[in-house]
Amino acid sequence: MSYGVLQTRRFARQYKKLHDNIAADVDTAVETVAENPTVGDRKKGDLANLLVYKFHSQGQLYLLGYTIDDEVRLVYLEAIGSHENFYRDLKR
């Protein structure tokens, strides 16, 4: 059984700026994460509660940052973007 998915405001703003073909790949990545939330890599240090799922779109690496709430079976989508400055922007 899959988890429910909720977007944060940051994720919604970043998603809105993506091109349609990249957004389709993001949708596929979100479905993958909803089916198996442990598929991402858990980060360490300041971002210890964050998991990151990496995927390719248009020949570029994209990262989908999310957190999990197992009690209510929800995945919170935190951020989406290319690898460049992804973690720096998340710390803000």
PDB file of N, CA and C in Angstrom:
ATOM      1  N   MET A   1       0.848  -1.186   0.000  1.00  0.00           N
ATOM      2  CA  MET A   1       0.000   0.000   0.000  1.00  0.00           C
ATOM      3  C   MET A   1       0.889   1.243   0.000  1.00  0.00           C
ATOM      4  N   SER A   2       0.551   2.194  -0.836  1.00  0.00           N
ATOM      5  CA  SER A   2       1.395   3.378  -0.984  1.00  0.00           C
ATOM      6  C   SER A   2       1.049   4.451   0.051  1.00  0.00           C
ATOM      7  N   TYR A   3       1.960   5.345   0.219  1.00  0.00           N
ATOM      8  CA  TYR A   3       1.793   6.478   1.131  1.00  0.00           C
ATOM      9  C   TYR A   3       1.080   7.618   0.406  1.00  0.00           C
ATOM     10  N   GLY A   4       0.438   8.497   1.170  1.00  0.00           N
ATOM     11  CA  GLY A   4      -0.119   9.714   0.611  1.00  0.00           C
ATOM     12  C   GLY A   4       0.999  10.713   0.382  1.00  0.00           C
ATOM     13  N   VAL A   5       0.755  11.695  -0.478  1.00  0.00           N
ATOM     14  CA  VAL A   5       1.793  12.668  -0.830  1.00  0.00           C
ATOM     15  C   VAL A   5       1.261  14.077  -0.603  1.00  0.00           C
ATOM     16  N   LEU A   6       2.058  14.890   0.092  1.00  0.00           N
ATOM     17  CA  LEU A   6       1.745  16.307   0.291  1.00  0.00           C
ATOM     18  C   LEU A   6       2.942  17.147  -0.142  1.00  0.00           C
ATOM     19  N   GLN A   7       2.654  18.274  -0.780  1.00  0.00           N
ATOM     20  CA  GLN A   7       3.700  19.184  -1.236  1.00  0.00           C
ATOM     21  C   GLN A   7       3.883  20.319  -0.237  1.00  0.00           C
ATOM     22  N   THR A   8       5.128  20.723  -0.044  1.00  0.00           N
ATOM     23  CA  THR A   8       5.379  21.942   0.704  1.00  0.00           C
ATOM     24  C   THR A   8       5.305  23.119  -0.270  1.00  0.00           C
ATOM     25  N   ARG A   9       5.248  24.313   0.247  1.00  0.00           N
ATOM     26  CA  ARG A   9       5.178  25.500  -0.624  1.00  0.00           C
ATOM     27  C   ARG A   9       6.433  25.622  -1.476  1.00  0.00           C
ATOM     28  N   ARG A  10       7.594  25.312  -0.894  1.00  0.00           N
ATOM     29  CA  ARG A  10       8.860  25.383  -1.640  1.00  0.00           C
ATOM     30  C   ARG A  10       8.814  24.441  -2.843  1.00  0.00           C
ATOM     31  N   PHE A  11       8.377  23.210  -2.621  1.00  0.00           N
ATOM     32  CA  PHE A  11       8.300  22.237  -3.712  1.00  0.00           C
ATOM     33  C   PHE A  11       7.330  22.717  -4.790  1.00  0.00           C
ATOM     34  N   ALA A  12       6.174  23.234  -4.400  1.00  0.00           N
ATOM     35  CA  ALA A  12       5.172  23.687  -5.367  1.00  0.00           C
ATOM     36  C   ALA A  12       5.722  24.814  -6.238  1.00  0.00           C
ATOM     37  N   ARG A  13       6.466  25.740  -5.644  1.00  0.00           N
ATOM     38  CA  ARG A  13       7.057  26.835  -6.408  1.00  0.00           C
ATOM     39  C   ARG A  13       8.105  26.329  -7.388  1.00  0.00           C
ATOM     40  N   GLN A  14       8.937  25.395  -6.948  1.00  0.00           N
ATOM     41  CA  GLN A  14       9.975  24.849  -7.824  1.00  0.00           C
ATOM     42  C   GLN A  14       9.361  24.009  -8.940  1.00  0.00           C
ATOM     43  N   TYR A  15       8.326  23.248  -8.630  1.00  0.00           N
ATOM     44  CA  TYR A  15       7.674  22.383  -9.618  1.00  0.00           C
ATOM     45  C   TYR A  15       7.013  23.209 -10.714  1.00  0.00           C
ATOM     46  N   LYS A  16       6.424  24.323 -10.323  1.00  0.00           N
ATOM     47  CA  LYS A  16       5.722  25.186 -11.273  1.00  0.00           C
ATOM     48  C   LYS A  16       6.669  25.754 -12.332  1.00  0.00           C
ATOM     49  N   LYS A  17       7.940  25.923 -12.001  1.00  0.00           N
ATOM     50  CA  LYS A  17       8.916  26.508 -12.913  1.00  0.00           C
ATOM     51  C   LYS A  17       9.514  25.491 -13.882  1.00  0.00           C
ATOM     52  N   LEU A  18       9.247  24.203 -13.682  1.00  0.00           N
ATOM     53  CA  LEU A  18       9.834  23.168 -14.535  1.00  0.00           C
ATOM     54  C   LEU A  18       9.130  23.090 -15.882  1.00  0.00           C
ATOM     55  N   HIS A  19       9.869  22.656 -16.913  1.00  0.00           N
ATOM     56  CA  HIS A  19       9.274  22.406 -18.219  1.00  0.00           C
ATOM     57  C   HIS A  19       8.389  21.161 -18.134  1.00  0.00           C
ATOM     58  N   ASP A  20       7.464  21.032 -19.061  1.00  0.00           N
ATOM     59  CA  ASP A  20       6.500  19.942 -19.028  1.00  0.00           C
ATOM     60  C   ASP A  20       7.153  18.566 -19.092  1.00  0.00           C
ATOM     61  N   ASN A  21       8.184  18.406 -19.925  1.00  0.00           N
ATOM     62  CA  ASN A  21       8.811  17.089 -20.039  1.00  0.00           C
ATOM     63  C   ASN A  21       9.572  16.710 -18.768  1.00  0.00           C
ATOM     64  N   ILE A  22      10.162  17.674 -18.087  1.00  0.00           N
ATOM     65  CA  ILE A  22      10.840  17.403 -16.820  1.00  0.00           C
ATOM     66  C   ILE A  22       9.798  17.148 -15.730  1.00  0.00           C
ATOM     67  N   ALA A  23       8.696  17.881 -15.753  1.00  0.00           N
ATOM     68  CA  ALA A  23       7.629  17.687 -14.770  1.00  0.00           C
ATOM     69  C   ALA A  23       7.051  16.274 -14.866  1.00  0.00           C
ATOM     70  N   ALA A  24       6.976  15.723 -16.069  1.00  0.00           N
ATOM     71  CA  ALA A  24       6.483  14.352 -16.237  1.00  0.00           C
ATOM     72  C   ALA A  24       7.426  13.356 -15.563  1.00  0.00           C
ATOM     73  N   ASP A  25       8.739  13.584 -15.679  1.00  0.00           N
ATOM     74  CA  ASP A  25       9.706  12.713 -15.011  1.00  0.00           C
ATOM     75  C   ASP A  25       9.639  12.871 -13.496  1.00  0.00           C
ATOM     76  N   VAL A  26       9.371  14.083 -13.024  1.00  0.00           N
ATOM     77  CA  VAL A  26       9.205  14.317 -11.592  1.00  0.00           C
ATOM     78  C   VAL A  26       7.974  13.571 -11.091  1.00  0.00           C
ATOM     79  N   ASP A  27       6.890  13.599 -11.854  1.00  0.00           N
ATOM     80  CA  ASP A  27       5.681  12.875 -11.463  1.00  0.00           C
ATOM     81  C   ASP A  27       5.963  11.382 -11.314  1.00  0.00           C
ATOM     82  N   THR A  28       6.743  10.824 -12.233  1.00  0.00           N
ATOM     83  CA  THR A  28       7.119   9.416 -12.149  1.00  0.00           C
ATOM     84  C   THR A  28       7.955   9.147 -10.903  1.00  0.00           C
ATOM     85  N   ALA A  29       8.871  10.054 -10.583  1.00  0.00           N
ATOM     86  CA  ALA A  29       9.706   9.906  -9.390  1.00  0.00           C
ATOM     87  C   ALA A  29       8.855   9.983  -8.127  1.00  0.00           C
ATOM     88  N   VAL A  30       7.856  10.860  -8.109  1.00  0.00           N
ATOM     89  CA  VAL A  30       6.969  10.992  -6.949  1.00  0.00           C
ATOM     90  C   VAL A  30       6.168   9.701  -6.756  1.00  0.00           C
ATOM     91  N   GLU A  31       5.706   9.101  -7.846  1.00  0.00           N
ATOM     92  CA  GLU A  31       4.985   7.830  -7.750  1.00  0.00           C
ATOM     93  C   GLU A  31       5.882   6.731  -7.188  1.00  0.00           C
ATOM     94  N   THR A  32       7.143   6.713  -7.613  1.00  0.00           N
ATOM     95  CA  THR A  32       8.102   5.733  -7.110  1.00  0.00           C
ATOM     96  C   THR A  32       8.305   5.899  -5.611  1.00  0.00           C
ATOM     97  N   VAL A  33       8.450   7.139  -5.158  1.00  0.00           N
ATOM     98  CA  VAL A  33       8.653   7.424  -3.740  1.00  0.00           C
ATOM     99  C   VAL A  33       7.395   7.078  -2.936  1.00  0.00           C
ATOM    100  N   ALA A  34       6.215   7.341  -3.482  1.00  0.00           N
ATOM    101  CA  ALA A  34       4.975   7.038  -2.777  1.00  0.00           C
ATOM    102  C   ALA A  34       4.804   5.526  -2.596  1.00  0.00           C
ATOM    103  N   GLU A  35       5.232   4.744  -3.578  1.00  0.00           N
ATOM    104  CA  GLU A  35       5.125   3.286  -3.482  1.00  0.00           C
ATOM    105  C   GLU A  35       6.130   2.708  -2.483  1.00  0.00           C
ATOM    106  N   ASN A  36       7.340   3.256  -2.461  1.00  0.00           N
ATOM    107  CA  ASN A  36       8.397   2.757  -1.581  1.00  0.00           C
ATOM    108  C   ASN A  36       9.182   3.933  -1.018  1.00  0.00           C
ATOM    109  N   PRO A  37       8.757   4.510   0.099  1.00  0.00           N
ATOM    110  CA  PRO A  37       9.404   5.717   0.633  1.00  0.00           C
ATOM    111  C   PRO A  37      10.851   5.528   1.069  1.00  0.00           C
ATOM    112  N   THR A  38      11.297   4.303   1.261  1.00  0.00           N
ATOM    113  CA  THR A  38      12.677   4.092   1.700  1.00  0.00           C
ATOM    114  C   THR A  38      13.651   4.011   0.531  1.00  0.00           C
ATOM    115  N   VAL A  39      13.196   4.280  -0.683  1.00  0.00           N
ATOM    116  CA  VAL A  39      14.045   4.182  -1.865  1.00  0.00           C
ATOM    117  C   VAL A  39      15.120   5.266  -1.891  1.00  0.00           C
ATOM    118  N   GLY A  40      14.905   6.364  -1.221  1.00  0.00           N
ATOM    119  CA  GLY A  40      15.873   7.466  -1.215  1.00  0.00           C
ATOM    120  C   GLY A  40      16.988   7.252  -0.222  1.00  0.00           C
ATOM    121  N   ASP A  41      18.032   8.061  -0.347  1.00  0.00           N
ATOM    122  CA  ASP A  41      19.181   8.013   0.560  1.00  0.00           C
ATOM    123  C   ASP A  41      18.958   8.998   1.694  1.00  0.00           C
ATOM    124  N   ARG A  42      19.140   8.521   2.945  1.00  0.00           N
ATOM    125  CA  ARG A  42      19.002   9.410   4.103  1.00  0.00           C
ATOM    126  C   ARG A  42      20.266  10.254   4.235  1.00  0.00           C
ATOM    127  N   LYS A  43      20.086  11.543   4.478  1.00  0.00           N
ATOM    128  CA  LYS A  43      21.203  12.473   4.622  1.00  0.00           C
ATOM    129  C   LYS A  43      21.675  12.504   6.072  1.00  0.00           C
ATOM    130  N   LYS A  44      22.803  13.144   6.298  1.00  0.00           N
ATOM    131  CA  LYS A  44      23.400  13.225   7.627  1.00  0.00           C
ATOM    132  C   LYS A  44      23.582  14.690   8.009  1.00  0.00           C
ATOM    133  N   GLY A  45      23.846  14.906   9.272  1.00  0.00           N
ATOM    134  CA  GLY A  45      24.136  16.251   9.748  1.00  0.00           C
ATOM    135  C   GLY A  45      22.899  17.116   9.854  1.00  0.00           C
ATOM    136  N   ASP A  46      22.958  18.326   9.298  1.00  0.00           N
ATOM    137  CA  ASP A  46      21.850  19.282   9.383  1.00  0.00           C
ATOM    138  C   ASP A  46      20.581  18.769   8.715  1.00  0.00           C
ATOM    139  N   LEU A  47      20.728  17.936   7.709  1.00  0.00           N
ATOM    140  CA  LEU A  47      19.582  17.447   6.935  1.00  0.00           C
ATOM    141  C   LEU A  47      19.280  15.989   7.273  1.00  0.00           C
ATOM    142  N   ALA A  48      19.430  15.601   8.535  1.00  0.00           N
ATOM    143  CA  ALA A  48      19.306  14.196   8.932  1.00  0.00           C
ATOM    144  C   ALA A  48      17.901  13.629   8.721  1.00  0.00           C
ATOM    145  N   ASN A  49      16.873  14.449   8.745  1.00  0.00           N
ATOM    146  CA  ASN A  49      15.513  13.942   8.564  1.00  0.00           C
ATOM    147  C   ASN A  49      15.114  13.847   7.092  1.00  0.00           C
ATOM    148  N   LEU A  50      15.985  14.278   6.189  1.00  0.00           N
ATOM    149  CA  LEU A  50      15.672  14.345   4.766  1.00  0.00           C
ATOM    150  C   LEU A  50      16.130  13.093   4.036  1.00  0.00           C
ATOM    151  N   LEU A  51      15.298  12.617   3.114  1.00  0.00           N
ATOM    152  CA  LEU A  51      15.682  11.561   2.187  1.00  0.00           C
ATOM    153  C   LEU A  51      15.716  12.168   0.798  1.00  0.00           C
ATOM    154  N   VAL A  52      16.631  11.687  -0.047  1.00  0.00           N
ATOM    155  CA  VAL A  52      16.786  12.234  -1.390  1.00  0.00           C
ATOM    156  C   VAL A  52      16.737  11.093  -2.398  1.00  0.00           C
ATOM    157  N   TYR A  53      15.843  11.234  -3.371  1.00  0.00           N
ATOM    158  CA  TYR A  53      15.737  10.277  -4.471  1.00  0.00           C
ATOM    159  C   TYR A  53      16.332  10.935  -5.709  1.00  0.00           C
ATOM    160  N   LYS A  54      17.299  10.260  -6.335  1.00  0.00           N
ATOM    161  CA  LYS A  54      17.993  10.815  -7.501  1.00  0.00           C
ATOM    162  C   LYS A  54      17.457  10.159  -8.762  1.00  0.00           C
ATOM    163  N   PHE A  55      17.236  10.963  -9.803  1.00  0.00           N
ATOM    164  CA  PHE A  55      16.775  10.450 -11.088  1.00  0.00           C
ATOM    165  C   PHE A  55      17.282  11.356 -12.203  1.00  0.00           C
ATOM    166  N   HIS A  56      17.287  10.824 -13.413  1.00  0.00           N
ATOM    167  CA  HIS A  56      17.755  11.575 -14.575  1.00  0.00           C
ATOM    168  C   HIS A  56      16.576  12.032 -15.420  1.00  0.00           C
ATOM    169  N   SER A  57      16.680  13.250 -15.933  1.00  0.00           N
ATOM    170  CA  SER A  57      15.685  13.800 -16.841  1.00  0.00           C
ATOM    171  C   SER A  57      16.411  14.687 -17.836  1.00  0.00           C
ATOM    172  N   GLN A  58      16.191  14.445 -19.115  1.00  0.00           N
ATOM    173  CA  GLN A  58      16.822  15.230 -20.176  1.00  0.00           C
ATOM    174  C   GLN A  58      18.343  15.225 -20.047  1.00  0.00           C
ATOM    175  N   GLY A  59      18.913  14.099 -19.620  1.00  0.00           N
ATOM    176  CA  GLY A  59      20.355  13.976 -19.508  1.00  0.00           C
ATOM    177  C   GLY A  59      20.969  14.677 -18.329  1.00  0.00           C
ATOM    178  N   GLN A  60      20.163  15.138 -17.388  1.00  0.00           N
ATOM    179  CA  GLN A  60      20.665  15.846 -16.211  1.00  0.00           C
ATOM    180  C   GLN A  60      20.168  15.152 -14.958  1.00  0.00           C
ATOM    181  N   LEU A  61      20.985  15.159 -13.917  1.00  0.00           N
ATOM    182  CA  LEU A  61      20.626  14.555 -12.645  1.00  0.00           C
ATOM    183  C   LEU A  61      19.730  15.513 -11.853  1.00  0.00           C
ATOM    184  N   TYR A  62      18.588  15.015 -11.388  1.00  0.00           N
ATOM    185  CA  TYR A  62      17.677  15.787 -10.545  1.00  0.00           C
ATOM    186  C   TYR A  62      17.538  15.097  -9.204  1.00  0.00           C
ATOM    187  N   LEU A  63      17.278  15.884  -8.167  1.00  0.00           N
ATOM    188  CA  LEU A  63      17.117  15.354  -6.832  1.00  0.00           C
ATOM    189  C   LEU A  63      15.741  15.734  -6.304  1.00  0.00           C
ATOM    190  N   LEU A  64      15.085  14.769  -5.684  1.00  0.00           N
ATOM    191  CA  LEU A  64      13.781  14.961  -5.059  1.00  0.00           C
ATOM    192  C   LEU A  64      13.966  14.757  -3.566  1.00  0.00           C
ATOM    193  N   GLY A  65      13.862  15.842  -2.807  1.00  0.00           N
ATOM    194  CA  GLY A  65      14.022  15.773  -1.358  1.00  0.00           C
ATOM    195  C   GLY A  65      12.674  15.623  -0.692  1.00  0.00           C
ATOM    196  N   TYR A  66      12.579  14.697   0.288  1.00  0.00           N
ATOM    197  CA  TYR A  66      11.300  14.451   0.951  1.00  0.00           C
ATOM    198  C   TYR A  66      11.524  13.932   2.367  1.00  0.00           C
ATOM    199  N   THR A  67      10.492  14.036   3.180  1.00  0.00           N
ATOM    200  CA  THR A  67      10.492  13.465   4.518  1.00  0.00           C
ATOM    201  C   THR A  67       9.295  12.528   4.635  1.00  0.00           C
ATOM    202  N   ILE A  68       9.364  11.622   5.611  1.00  0.00           N
ATOM    203  CA  ILE A  68       8.321  10.612   5.789  1.00  0.00           C
ATOM    204  C   ILE A  68       7.710  10.748   7.177  1.00  0.00           C
ATOM    205  N   ASP A  69       6.388  10.582   7.250  1.00  0.00           N
ATOM    206  CA  ASP A  69       5.682  10.482   8.524  1.00  0.00           C
ATOM    207  C   ASP A  69       4.976   9.124   8.531  1.00  0.00           C
ATOM    208  N   ASP A  70       5.592   8.154   9.193  1.00  0.00           N
ATOM    209  CA  ASP A  70       5.071   6.780   9.183  1.00  0.00           C
ATOM    210  C   ASP A  70       3.756   6.628   9.935  1.00  0.00           C
ATOM    211  N   GLU A  71       3.513   7.463  10.937  1.00  0.00           N
ATOM    212  CA  GLU A  71       2.284   7.335  11.731  1.00  0.00           C
ATOM    213  C   GLU A  71       1.035   7.574  10.898  1.00  0.00           C
ATOM    214  N   VAL A  72       1.075   8.574  10.018  1.00  0.00           N
ATOM    215  CA  VAL A  72      -0.096   8.873   9.179  1.00  0.00           C
ATOM    216  C   VAL A  72       0.126   8.461   7.726  1.00  0.00           C
ATOM    217  N   ARG A  73       1.260   7.776   7.467  1.00  0.00           N
ATOM    218  CA  ARG A  73       1.589   7.259   6.133  1.00  0.00           C
ATOM    219  C   ARG A  73       1.566   8.360   5.077  1.00  0.00           C
ATOM    220  N   LEU A  74       2.360   9.411   5.324  1.00  0.00           N
ATOM    221  CA  LEU A  74       2.468  10.531   4.388  1.00  0.00           C
ATOM    222  C   LEU A  74       3.922  10.768   3.996  1.00  0.00           C
ATOM    223  N   VAL A  75       4.109  11.181   2.749  1.00  0.00           N
ATOM    224  CA  VAL A  75       5.403  11.629   2.253  1.00  0.00           C
ATOM    225  C   VAL A  75       5.273  13.121   1.973  1.00  0.00           C
ATOM    226  N   TYR A  76       6.129  13.919   2.593  1.00  0.00           N
ATOM    227  CA  TYR A  76       6.124  15.366   2.389  1.00  0.00           C
ATOM    228  C   TYR A  76       7.216  15.712   1.387  1.00  0.00           C
ATOM    229  N   LEU A  77       6.838  16.236   0.236  1.00  0.00           N
ATOM    230  CA  LEU A  77       7.798  16.629  -0.795  1.00  0.00           C
ATOM    231  C   LEU A  77       8.372  17.987  -0.415  1.00  0.00           C
ATOM    232  N   GLU A  78       9.663  18.024  -0.165  1.00  0.00           N
ATOM    233  CA  GLU A  78      10.310  19.241   0.330  1.00  0.00           C
ATOM    234  C   GLU A  78      10.901  20.098  -0.783  1.00  0.00           C
ATOM    235  N   ALA A  79      11.593  19.471  -1.751  1.00  0.00           N
ATOM    236  CA  ALA A  79      12.265  20.256  -2.791  1.00  0.00           C
ATOM    237  C   ALA A  79      12.556  19.387  -3.999  1.00  0.00           C
ATOM    238  N   ILE A  80      12.690  20.044  -5.144  1.00  0.00           N
ATOM    239  CA  ILE A  80      13.071  19.387  -6.394  1.00  0.00           C
ATOM    240  C   ILE A  80      14.045  20.299  -7.112  1.00  0.00           C
ATOM    241  N   GLY A  81      15.043  19.716  -7.755  1.00  0.00           N
ATOM    242  CA  GLY A  81      15.968  20.548  -8.511  1.00  0.00           C
ATOM    243  C   GLY A  81      17.188  19.774  -8.954  1.00  0.00           C
ATOM    244  N   SER A  82      18.016  20.447  -9.720  1.00  0.00           N
ATOM    245  CA  SER A  82      19.268  19.833 -10.142  1.00  0.00           C
ATOM    246  C   SER A  82      20.223  19.802  -8.954  1.00  0.00           C
ATOM    247  N   HIS A  83      21.302  19.063  -9.094  1.00  0.00           N
ATOM    248  CA  HIS A  83      22.228  18.880  -7.975  1.00  0.00           C
ATOM    249  C   HIS A  83      22.902  20.180  -7.555  1.00  0.00           C
ATOM    250  N   GLU A  84      23.063  21.091  -8.497  1.00  0.00           N
ATOM    251  CA  GLU A  84      23.762  22.342  -8.218  1.00  0.00           C
ATOM    252  C   GLU A  84      23.038  23.155  -7.152  1.00  0.00           C
ATOM    253  N   ASN A  85      23.703  23.401  -6.032  1.00  0.00           N
ATOM    254  CA  ASN A  85      23.191  24.207  -4.909  1.00  0.00           C
ATOM    255  C   ASN A  85      21.938  23.642  -4.246  1.00  0.00           C
ATOM    256  N   PHE A  86      21.599  22.382  -4.503  1.00  0.00           N
ATOM    257  CA  PHE A  86      20.380  21.788  -3.950  1.00  0.00           C
ATOM    258  C   PHE A  86      20.425  21.768  -2.424  1.00  0.00           C
ATOM    259  N   TYR A  87      21.502  21.252  -1.851  1.00  0.00           N
ATOM    260  CA  TYR A  87      21.589  21.120  -0.405  1.00  0.00           C
ATOM    261  C   TYR A  87      21.774  22.475   0.273  1.00  0.00           C
ATOM    262  N   ARG A  88      22.505  23.370  -0.355  1.00  0.00           N
ATOM    263  CA  ARG A  88      22.685  24.711   0.216  1.00  0.00           C
ATOM    264  C   ARG A  88      21.340  25.419   0.331  1.00  0.00           C
ATOM    265  N   ASP A  89      20.520  25.325  -0.725  1.00  0.00           N
ATOM    266  CA  ASP A  89      19.218  25.989  -0.707  1.00  0.00           C
ATOM    267  C   ASP A  89      18.277  25.348   0.306  1.00  0.00           C
ATOM    268  N   LEU A  90      18.386  24.065   0.536  1.00  0.00           N
ATOM    269  CA  LEU A  90      17.526  23.379   1.503  1.00  0.00           C
ATOM    270  C   LEU A  90      17.820  23.809   2.936  1.00  0.00           C
ATOM    271  N   LYS A  91      19.063  24.162   3.222  1.00  0.00           N
ATOM    272  CA  LYS A  91      19.433  24.555   4.584  1.00  0.00           C
ATOM    273  C   LYS A  91      18.846  25.900   4.975  1.00  0.00           C
ATOM    274  N   ARG A  92      18.413  26.673   4.003  1.00  0.00           N
ATOM    275  CA  ARG A  92      17.857  28.000   4.289  1.00  0.00           C
ATOM    276  C   ARG A  92      16.502  27.888   4.905  1.00  0.00           C
TER     277      ARG A  92
END
